Amino acid sequence: MLPSYWKKKDDKTYMCICKTIGINPEDVNVEETDYGLKVSGSTELEGYTYDTSFELPIAESIMNEIEKIKVKSKNGLTFITLTLNRPERRKIKIEKE
C-alpha cells in the first residue's frame, strides 16, 4: 500500500485510506488545498517524533462537488470519506417521430 489508496464506494462517495503510522488520531490533520487535500500530523513518543505530511490530489470536478468530508483515524490508518452533492441521474425519455 502506498501512503494512500482511493476507492469509490458509490456514485456519491469516495474513500481514501492513508498511512499515518505512529501518529495519535487526535494529532492527524486534514485540510483543503488548491489541488485537493493535505494530510499531516506529528506525535512525540518516548523521545521520538513520528510525523507525516503529504498531499492527496483530487480532480477539480470532484472538489467542486464535495458536500462534506469525514475523517477517522485508527490503528495507524486514516480514513477520509468524501460525500459528493451530485444530482440523481434521471432517465431520459426518447421519442421517435
N, C-alpha and C. Protein backbone atom coordinates (compact mmCIF):
# COMPACT_ATOMS: atom_id res chain seq x y z
N MET A 1 0.85 -1.18 0.00
CA MET A 1 0.00 0.00 0.00
C MET A 1 0.89 1.24 0.00
N LEU A 2 0.64 2.14 -0.92
CA LEU A 2 1.33 3.43 -0.95
C LEU A 2 0.85 4.25 0.25
N PRO A 3 1.33 5.47 0.38
CA PRO A 3 0.83 6.28 1.51
C PRO A 3 -0.68 6.44 1.51
N SER A 4 -1.31 6.30 0.32
CA SER A 4 -2.77 6.43 0.27
C SER A 4 -3.35 5.55 -0.82
N TYR A 5 -4.62 5.21 -0.64
CA TYR A 5 -5.33 4.37 -1.59
C TYR A 5 -6.77 4.88 -1.68
N TRP A 6 -7.24 5.18 -2.88
CA TRP A 6 -8.62 5.64 -3.09
C TRP A 6 -9.50 4.51 -3.58
N LYS A 7 -10.75 4.52 -3.13
CA LYS A 7 -11.74 3.59 -3.68
C LYS A 7 -13.08 4.29 -3.75
N LYS A 8 -13.84 3.97 -4.79
CA LYS A 8 -15.16 4.55 -4.99
C LYS A 8 -16.18 3.61 -4.38
N LYS A 9 -16.95 4.12 -3.40
CA LYS A 9 -17.95 3.28 -2.75
C LYS A 9 -19.25 3.26 -3.55
N ASP A 10 -19.65 4.42 -4.08
CA ASP A 10 -20.82 4.54 -4.95
C ASP A 10 -20.67 5.86 -5.71
N ASP A 11 -21.72 6.27 -6.45
CA ASP A 11 -21.61 7.48 -7.28
C ASP A 11 -21.42 8.76 -6.48
N LYS A 12 -21.73 8.74 -5.20
CA LYS A 12 -21.62 9.95 -4.38
C LYS A 12 -20.59 9.85 -3.26
N THR A 13 -19.88 8.72 -3.16
CA THR A 13 -18.99 8.53 -2.02
C THR A 13 -17.65 7.94 -2.46
N TYR A 14 -16.57 8.61 -2.06
CA TYR A 14 -15.22 8.11 -2.27
C TYR A 14 -14.54 7.99 -0.92
N MET A 15 -13.68 6.97 -0.77
CA MET A 15 -12.94 6.81 0.48
C MET A 15 -11.45 6.70 0.17
N CYS A 16 -10.66 7.39 0.98
CA CYS A 16 -9.21 7.30 0.88
C CYS A 16 -8.70 6.72 2.19
N ILE A 17 -7.82 5.73 2.09
CA ILE A 17 -7.18 5.15 3.26
C ILE A 17 -5.71 5.56 3.21
N CYS A 18 -5.23 6.23 4.27
CA CYS A 18 -3.87 6.77 4.31
C CYS A 18 -3.09 6.17 5.47
N LYS A 19 -1.80 5.97 5.25
CA LYS A 19 -0.93 5.53 6.33
C LYS A 19 -0.56 6.72 7.21
N THR A 20 -0.85 6.62 8.48
CA THR A 20 -0.45 7.63 9.47
C THR A 20 0.13 6.92 10.69
N ILE A 21 1.05 6.00 10.42
CA ILE A 21 1.63 5.14 11.44
C ILE A 21 2.40 5.96 12.48
N GLY A 22 2.15 5.67 13.75
CA GLY A 22 2.85 6.32 14.85
C GLY A 22 2.26 7.65 15.27
N ILE A 23 1.21 8.09 14.60
CA ILE A 23 0.61 9.39 14.91
C ILE A 23 -0.72 9.16 15.61
N ASN A 24 -0.88 9.77 16.78
CA ASN A 24 -2.14 9.65 17.52
C ASN A 24 -3.29 10.19 16.68
N PRO A 25 -4.47 9.54 16.74
CA PRO A 25 -5.61 10.01 15.95
C PRO A 25 -5.93 11.49 16.15
N GLU A 26 -5.80 12.00 17.37
CA GLU A 26 -6.12 13.40 17.61
C GLU A 26 -5.08 14.36 17.02
N ASP A 27 -3.92 13.83 16.60
CA ASP A 27 -2.86 14.66 16.01
C ASP A 27 -2.88 14.67 14.48
N VAL A 28 -3.78 13.91 13.87
CA VAL A 28 -3.88 13.87 12.41
C VAL A 28 -4.72 15.06 11.94
N ASN A 29 -4.19 15.81 10.98
CA ASN A 29 -4.89 16.97 10.42
C ASN A 29 -5.15 16.75 8.94
N VAL A 30 -6.35 17.09 8.50
CA VAL A 30 -6.70 17.06 7.08
C VAL A 30 -7.22 18.44 6.73
N GLU A 31 -6.63 19.04 5.70
CA GLU A 31 -7.06 20.38 5.29
C GLU A 31 -7.16 20.47 3.77
N GLU A 32 -7.99 21.38 3.33
CA GLU A 32 -8.19 21.60 1.89
C GLU A 32 -7.03 22.43 1.34
N THR A 33 -6.57 22.07 0.14
CA THR A 33 -5.56 22.85 -0.57
C THR A 33 -6.15 23.25 -1.92
N ASP A 34 -5.36 23.95 -2.72
CA ASP A 34 -5.83 24.35 -4.05
C ASP A 34 -6.05 23.15 -4.97
N TYR A 35 -5.36 22.04 -4.70
CA TYR A 35 -5.40 20.90 -5.61
C TYR A 35 -5.97 19.64 -4.99
N GLY A 36 -6.51 19.72 -3.78
CA GLY A 36 -7.06 18.54 -3.13
C GLY A 36 -7.03 18.67 -1.62
N LEU A 37 -6.46 17.65 -0.97
CA LEU A 37 -6.38 17.64 0.49
C LEU A 37 -4.93 17.43 0.92
N LYS A 38 -4.60 17.93 2.10
CA LYS A 38 -3.29 17.71 2.69
C LYS A 38 -3.50 16.99 4.01
N VAL A 39 -2.76 15.90 4.20
CA VAL A 39 -2.80 15.13 5.44
C VAL A 39 -1.47 15.34 6.14
N SER A 40 -1.53 15.70 7.42
CA SER A 40 -0.30 15.91 8.18
C SER A 40 -0.55 15.57 9.64
N GLY A 41 0.52 15.41 10.36
CA GLY A 41 0.41 15.13 11.78
C GLY A 41 1.76 14.83 12.38
N SER A 42 1.84 14.99 13.70
CA SER A 42 3.09 14.75 14.42
C SER A 42 2.77 14.34 15.85
N THR A 43 3.44 13.29 16.32
CA THR A 43 3.27 12.81 17.69
C THR A 43 4.64 12.48 18.26
N GLU A 44 4.90 12.93 19.48
CA GLU A 44 6.14 12.58 20.16
C GLU A 44 5.85 11.44 21.13
N LEU A 45 6.70 10.41 21.08
CA LEU A 45 6.51 9.23 21.93
C LEU A 45 7.87 8.71 22.36
N GLU A 46 8.09 8.70 23.66
CA GLU A 46 9.33 8.17 24.25
C GLU A 46 10.58 8.77 23.60
N GLY A 47 10.59 10.08 23.40
CA GLY A 47 11.76 10.76 22.86
C GLY A 47 11.87 10.74 21.35
N TYR A 48 10.97 10.08 20.66
CA TYR A 48 10.97 10.05 19.20
C TYR A 48 9.77 10.82 18.67
N THR A 49 9.95 11.48 17.54
CA THR A 49 8.85 12.20 16.91
C THR A 49 8.47 11.45 15.63
N TYR A 50 7.20 11.09 15.54
CA TYR A 50 6.64 10.45 14.35
C TYR A 50 5.81 11.50 13.64
N ASP A 51 6.13 11.73 12.36
CA ASP A 51 5.36 12.73 11.64
C ASP A 51 5.17 12.33 10.19
N THR A 52 4.21 12.98 9.56
CA THR A 52 3.93 12.75 8.15
C THR A 52 3.32 14.00 7.56
N SER A 53 3.45 14.16 6.27
CA SER A 53 2.82 15.25 5.55
C SER A 53 2.81 14.88 4.07
N PHE A 54 1.63 14.82 3.49
CA PHE A 54 1.53 14.53 2.06
C PHE A 54 0.22 15.09 1.53
N GLU A 55 0.19 15.30 0.22
CA GLU A 55 -1.00 15.84 -0.43
C GLU A 55 -1.71 14.75 -1.20
N LEU A 56 -3.02 14.86 -1.21
CA LEU A 56 -3.87 13.95 -1.98
C LEU A 56 -4.50 14.76 -3.11
N PRO A 57 -3.95 14.67 -4.33
CA PRO A 57 -4.55 15.43 -5.42
C PRO A 57 -5.94 14.89 -5.75
N ILE A 58 -6.87 15.81 -6.00
CA ILE A 58 -8.25 15.44 -6.34
C ILE A 58 -8.65 16.28 -7.54
N ALA A 59 -9.29 15.65 -8.52
CA ALA A 59 -9.73 16.36 -9.72
C ALA A 59 -10.64 17.53 -9.33
N GLU A 60 -10.49 18.64 -10.05
CA GLU A 60 -11.27 19.84 -9.75
C GLU A 60 -12.78 19.56 -9.84
N SER A 61 -13.18 18.72 -10.79
CA SER A 61 -14.61 18.40 -10.94
C SER A 61 -15.16 17.71 -9.68
N ILE A 62 -14.35 16.89 -9.04
CA ILE A 62 -14.75 16.23 -7.79
C ILE A 62 -14.72 17.24 -6.64
N MET A 63 -13.67 18.05 -6.55
CA MET A 63 -13.55 19.05 -5.48
C MET A 63 -14.76 19.98 -5.47
N ASN A 64 -15.25 20.35 -6.66
CA ASN A 64 -16.38 21.26 -6.75
C ASN A 64 -17.69 20.64 -6.30
N GLU A 65 -17.75 19.32 -6.18
CA GLU A 65 -18.98 18.64 -5.80
C GLU A 65 -18.97 18.10 -4.37
N ILE A 66 -17.88 18.32 -3.63
CA ILE A 66 -17.80 17.78 -2.27
C ILE A 66 -18.78 18.52 -1.36
N GLU A 67 -19.64 17.74 -0.71
CA GLU A 67 -20.60 18.30 0.25
C GLU A 67 -20.01 18.27 1.66
N LYS A 68 -19.37 17.14 2.01
CA LYS A 68 -18.73 17.03 3.33
C LYS A 68 -17.61 16.01 3.29
N ILE A 69 -16.72 16.15 4.27
CA ILE A 69 -15.58 15.25 4.40
C ILE A 69 -15.58 14.73 5.83
N LYS A 70 -15.51 13.40 5.99
CA LYS A 70 -15.40 12.79 7.31
C LYS A 70 -14.00 12.20 7.44
N VAL A 71 -13.39 12.39 8.61
CA VAL A 71 -12.04 11.87 8.86
C VAL A 71 -12.06 11.05 10.13
N LYS A 72 -11.48 9.84 10.06
CA LYS A 72 -11.39 8.95 11.23
C LYS A 72 -10.03 8.27 11.18
N SER A 73 -9.31 8.27 12.31
CA SER A 73 -8.01 7.60 12.39
C SER A 73 -8.08 6.47 13.40
N LYS A 74 -7.44 5.35 13.05
CA LYS A 74 -7.42 4.19 13.94
C LYS A 74 -6.30 3.25 13.50
N ASN A 75 -5.55 2.74 14.46
CA ASN A 75 -4.50 1.74 14.22
C ASN A 75 -3.51 2.13 13.11
N GLY A 76 -3.09 3.38 13.09
CA GLY A 76 -2.09 3.81 12.13
C GLY A 76 -2.62 4.11 10.74
N LEU A 77 -3.94 4.11 10.58
CA LEU A 77 -4.55 4.43 9.30
C LEU A 77 -5.54 5.58 9.49
N THR A 78 -5.65 6.42 8.47
CA THR A 78 -6.64 7.49 8.48
C THR A 78 -7.59 7.25 7.31
N PHE A 79 -8.88 7.28 7.62
CA PHE A 79 -9.93 7.05 6.63
C PHE A 79 -10.60 8.39 6.33
N ILE A 80 -10.54 8.81 5.07
CA ILE A 80 -11.14 10.07 4.64
C ILE A 80 -12.28 9.72 3.69
N THR A 81 -13.49 10.13 4.05
CA THR A 81 -14.66 9.85 3.23
C THR A 81 -15.18 11.15 2.64
N LEU A 82 -15.25 11.20 1.31
CA LEU A 82 -15.80 12.36 0.61
C LEU A 82 -17.23 12.04 0.21
N THR A 83 -18.16 12.88 0.60
CA THR A 83 -19.55 12.74 0.18
C THR A 83 -19.83 13.87 -0.79
N LEU A 84 -20.25 13.50 -2.01
CA LEU A 84 -20.49 14.48 -3.05
C LEU A 84 -21.96 14.88 -3.10
N ASN A 85 -22.19 16.08 -3.58
CA ASN A 85 -23.54 16.58 -3.77
C ASN A 85 -23.83 16.53 -5.26
N ARG A 86 -24.16 15.35 -5.75
CA ARG A 86 -24.47 15.16 -7.16
C ARG A 86 -25.96 14.90 -7.31
N PRO A 87 -26.58 15.53 -8.30
CA PRO A 87 -27.99 15.24 -8.52
C PRO A 87 -28.16 13.80 -9.01
N GLU A 88 -29.31 13.23 -8.68
CA GLU A 88 -29.60 11.87 -9.16
C GLU A 88 -29.68 11.87 -10.68
N ARG A 89 -29.13 10.86 -11.27
CA ARG A 89 -29.22 10.75 -12.72
C ARG A 89 -30.64 10.35 -13.09
N ARG A 90 -31.21 11.10 -13.98
CA ARG A 90 -32.59 10.83 -14.37
C ARG A 90 -32.63 10.10 -15.69
N LYS A 91 -33.69 9.38 -15.90
CA LYS A 91 -33.90 8.64 -17.14
C LYS A 91 -34.39 9.61 -18.21
N ILE A 92 -33.77 9.57 -19.37
CA ILE A 92 -34.15 10.45 -20.46
C ILE A 92 -35.15 9.72 -21.34
N LYS A 93 -36.25 10.38 -21.62
CA LYS A 93 -37.29 9.81 -22.47
C LYS A 93 -36.90 10.08 -23.93
N ILE A 94 -36.88 9.05 -24.74
CA ILE A 94 -36.54 9.17 -26.15
C ILE A 94 -37.80 8.84 -26.95
N GLU A 95 -38.17 9.78 -27.79
CA GLU A 95 -39.37 9.61 -28.62
C GLU A 95 -38.99 9.52 -30.08
N LYS A 96 -39.64 8.64 -30.80
CA LYS A 96 -39.47 8.54 -32.26
C LYS A 96 -40.55 9.37 -32.93
N GLU A 97 -40.21 10.03 -34.00
CA GLU A 97 -41.19 10.82 -34.73
C GLU A 97 -41.62 10.12 -35.98
